[in-house]
């Protein structure tokens, strides 16, 4: 299955996108401000759906913050 990067994964619209991608069996890498209690809903989705999820902290304002997260991804959904 493809790998997708979803920026701003903990947001409302991005969370639904993550849900749909995981349900389709995709590997999802989601960027978030921090992996904390605000991302618990994404972890719960990943454990209930067939796809896989990796959460990566990233700062939209930092140069090069997405260089690492985008590597190896087939698709990028810039929702942040």
C-alpha atoms as a PDB file:
ATOM      1  CA  UNK A   1       0.000   0.000   0.000  1.00  0.00           C
ATOM      2  CA  UNK A   2       1.096   3.600  -0.525  1.00  0.00           C
ATOM      3  CA  UNK A   3       2.596   5.835   2.121  1.00  0.00           C
ATOM      4  CA  UNK A   4       1.096   9.286   2.650  1.00  0.00           C
ATOM      5  CA  UNK A   5       2.302  12.284   4.606  1.00  0.00           C
ATOM      6  CA  UNK A   6      -0.533  14.270   6.192  1.00  0.00           C
ATOM      7  CA  UNK A   7       0.567  17.622   7.606  1.00  0.00           C
ATOM      8  CA  UNK A   8      -1.340  18.959  10.598  1.00  0.00           C
ATOM      9  CA  UNK A   9      -2.662  15.455  11.254  1.00  0.00           C
ATOM     10  CA  UNK A  10      -4.322  16.306  14.571  1.00  0.00           C
ATOM     11  CA  UNK A  11      -6.617  18.925  13.037  1.00  0.00           C
ATOM     12  CA  UNK A  12     -10.299  18.255  12.336  1.00  0.00           C
ATOM     13  CA  UNK A  13     -10.113  17.830   8.546  1.00  0.00           C
ATOM     14  CA  UNK A  14      -6.728  16.118   8.607  1.00  0.00           C
ATOM     15  CA  UNK A  15      -7.939  13.640  11.259  1.00  0.00           C
ATOM     16  CA  UNK A  16     -10.763  12.567   8.961  1.00  0.00           C
ATOM     17  CA  UNK A  17      -8.278  12.177   6.105  1.00  0.00           C
ATOM     18  CA  UNK A  18      -6.010  10.073   8.343  1.00  0.00           C
ATOM     19  CA  UNK A  19      -9.060   7.962   9.261  1.00  0.00           C
ATOM     20  CA  UNK A  20      -9.949   7.333   5.625  1.00  0.00           C
ATOM     21  CA  UNK A  21      -6.366   6.503   4.637  1.00  0.00           C
ATOM     22  CA  UNK A  22      -5.914   4.100   7.558  1.00  0.00           C
ATOM     23  CA  UNK A  23      -9.254   2.448   6.772  1.00  0.00           C
ATOM     24  CA  UNK A  24      -8.005   1.870   3.220  1.00  0.00           C
ATOM     25  CA  UNK A  25      -4.883   0.197   4.615  1.00  0.00           C
ATOM     26  CA  UNK A  26      -2.384   2.963   3.836  1.00  0.00           C
ATOM     27  CA  UNK A  27       0.742   3.732   5.795  1.00  0.00           C
ATOM     28  CA  UNK A  28       0.291   7.265   7.138  1.00  0.00           C
ATOM     29  CA  UNK A  29       2.965   9.594   8.484  1.00  0.00           C
ATOM     30  CA  UNK A  30       1.334  12.535  10.219  1.00  0.00           C
ATOM     31  CA  UNK A  31       3.057  15.722  11.277  1.00  0.00           C
ATOM     32  CA  UNK A  32       1.864  17.307  14.508  1.00  0.00           C
ATOM     33  CA  UNK A  33       3.100  20.088  16.771  1.00  0.00           C
ATOM     34  CA  UNK A  34       3.784  17.550  19.520  1.00  0.00           C
ATOM     35  CA  UNK A  35       2.929  13.938  20.231  1.00  0.00           C
ATOM     36  CA  UNK A  36       0.822  14.338  23.369  1.00  0.00           C
ATOM     37  CA  UNK A  37      -2.750  13.979  24.633  1.00  0.00           C
ATOM     38  CA  UNK A  38      -4.003  15.992  21.629  1.00  0.00           C
ATOM     39  CA  UNK A  39      -2.972  13.115  19.355  1.00  0.00           C
ATOM     40  CA  UNK A  40      -4.570  10.291  21.368  1.00  0.00           C
ATOM     41  CA  UNK A  41      -7.512  10.121  18.963  1.00  0.00           C
ATOM     42  CA  UNK A  42      -5.104   9.382  16.102  1.00  0.00           C
ATOM     43  CA  UNK A  43      -3.391   6.610  18.058  1.00  0.00           C
ATOM     44  CA  UNK A  44      -6.817   5.107  18.781  1.00  0.00           C
ATOM     45  CA  UNK A  45      -7.691   5.202  15.075  1.00  0.00           C
ATOM     46  CA  UNK A  46      -4.444   3.478  14.161  1.00  0.00           C
ATOM     47  CA  UNK A  47      -5.059   0.659  16.610  1.00  0.00           C
ATOM     48  CA  UNK A  48      -8.592   0.089  15.273  1.00  0.00           C
ATOM     49  CA  UNK A  49      -7.902   0.265  11.531  1.00  0.00           C
ATOM     50  CA  UNK A  50      -5.770  -1.822   9.158  1.00  0.00           C
ATOM     51  CA  UNK A  51      -3.303   0.891   8.099  1.00  0.00           C
ATOM     52  CA  UNK A  52      -0.251   2.043  10.044  1.00  0.00           C
ATOM     53  CA  UNK A  53       0.456   5.435  11.581  1.00  0.00           C
ATOM     54  CA  UNK A  54       3.648   7.262  12.469  1.00  0.00           C
ATOM     55  CA  UNK A  55       3.381  10.659  14.181  1.00  0.00           C
ATOM     56  CA  UNK A  56       6.262  13.091  13.687  1.00  0.00           C
ATOM     57  CA  UNK A  57       6.650  16.445  15.465  1.00  0.00           C
ATOM     58  CA  UNK A  58       7.196  19.273  12.961  1.00  0.00           C
ATOM     59  CA  UNK A  59       7.176  23.067  13.160  1.00  0.00           C
ATOM     60  CA  UNK A  60       5.594  24.766  10.136  1.00  0.00           C
ATOM     61  CA  UNK A  61       7.758  27.827  10.655  1.00  0.00           C
ATOM     62  CA  UNK A  62      11.115  26.019  10.831  1.00  0.00           C
ATOM     63  CA  UNK A  63      13.132  25.757   7.616  1.00  0.00           C
ATOM     64  CA  UNK A  64      13.553  22.138   6.565  1.00  0.00           C
ATOM     65  CA  UNK A  65      11.094  20.800   9.149  1.00  0.00           C
ATOM     66  CA  UNK A  66       9.401  18.631   6.529  1.00  0.00           C
ATOM     67  CA  UNK A  67      12.517  17.362   4.737  1.00  0.00           C
ATOM     68  CA  UNK A  68      12.663  14.251   6.908  1.00  0.00           C
ATOM     69  CA  UNK A  69       8.941  13.476   7.184  1.00  0.00           C
ATOM     70  CA  UNK A  70       8.390  13.654   3.416  1.00  0.00           C
ATOM     71  CA  UNK A  71      11.157  11.142   2.601  1.00  0.00           C
ATOM     72  CA  UNK A  72       9.770   7.844   1.358  1.00  0.00           C
ATOM     73  CA  UNK A  73       6.212   9.111   0.955  1.00  0.00           C
ATOM     74  CA  UNK A  74       4.267   8.444  -2.226  1.00  0.00           C
ATOM     75  CA  UNK A  75       1.767  11.231  -1.574  1.00  0.00           C
ATOM     76  CA  UNK A  76       1.664  14.449   0.457  1.00  0.00           C
ATOM     77  CA  UNK A  77      -1.577  15.930   1.767  1.00  0.00           C
ATOM     78  CA  UNK A  78      -0.749  19.418   3.037  1.00  0.00           C
ATOM     79  CA  UNK A  79      -3.631  20.084   5.399  1.00  0.00           C
ATOM     80  CA  UNK A  80      -1.807  22.126   8.066  1.00  0.00           C
END
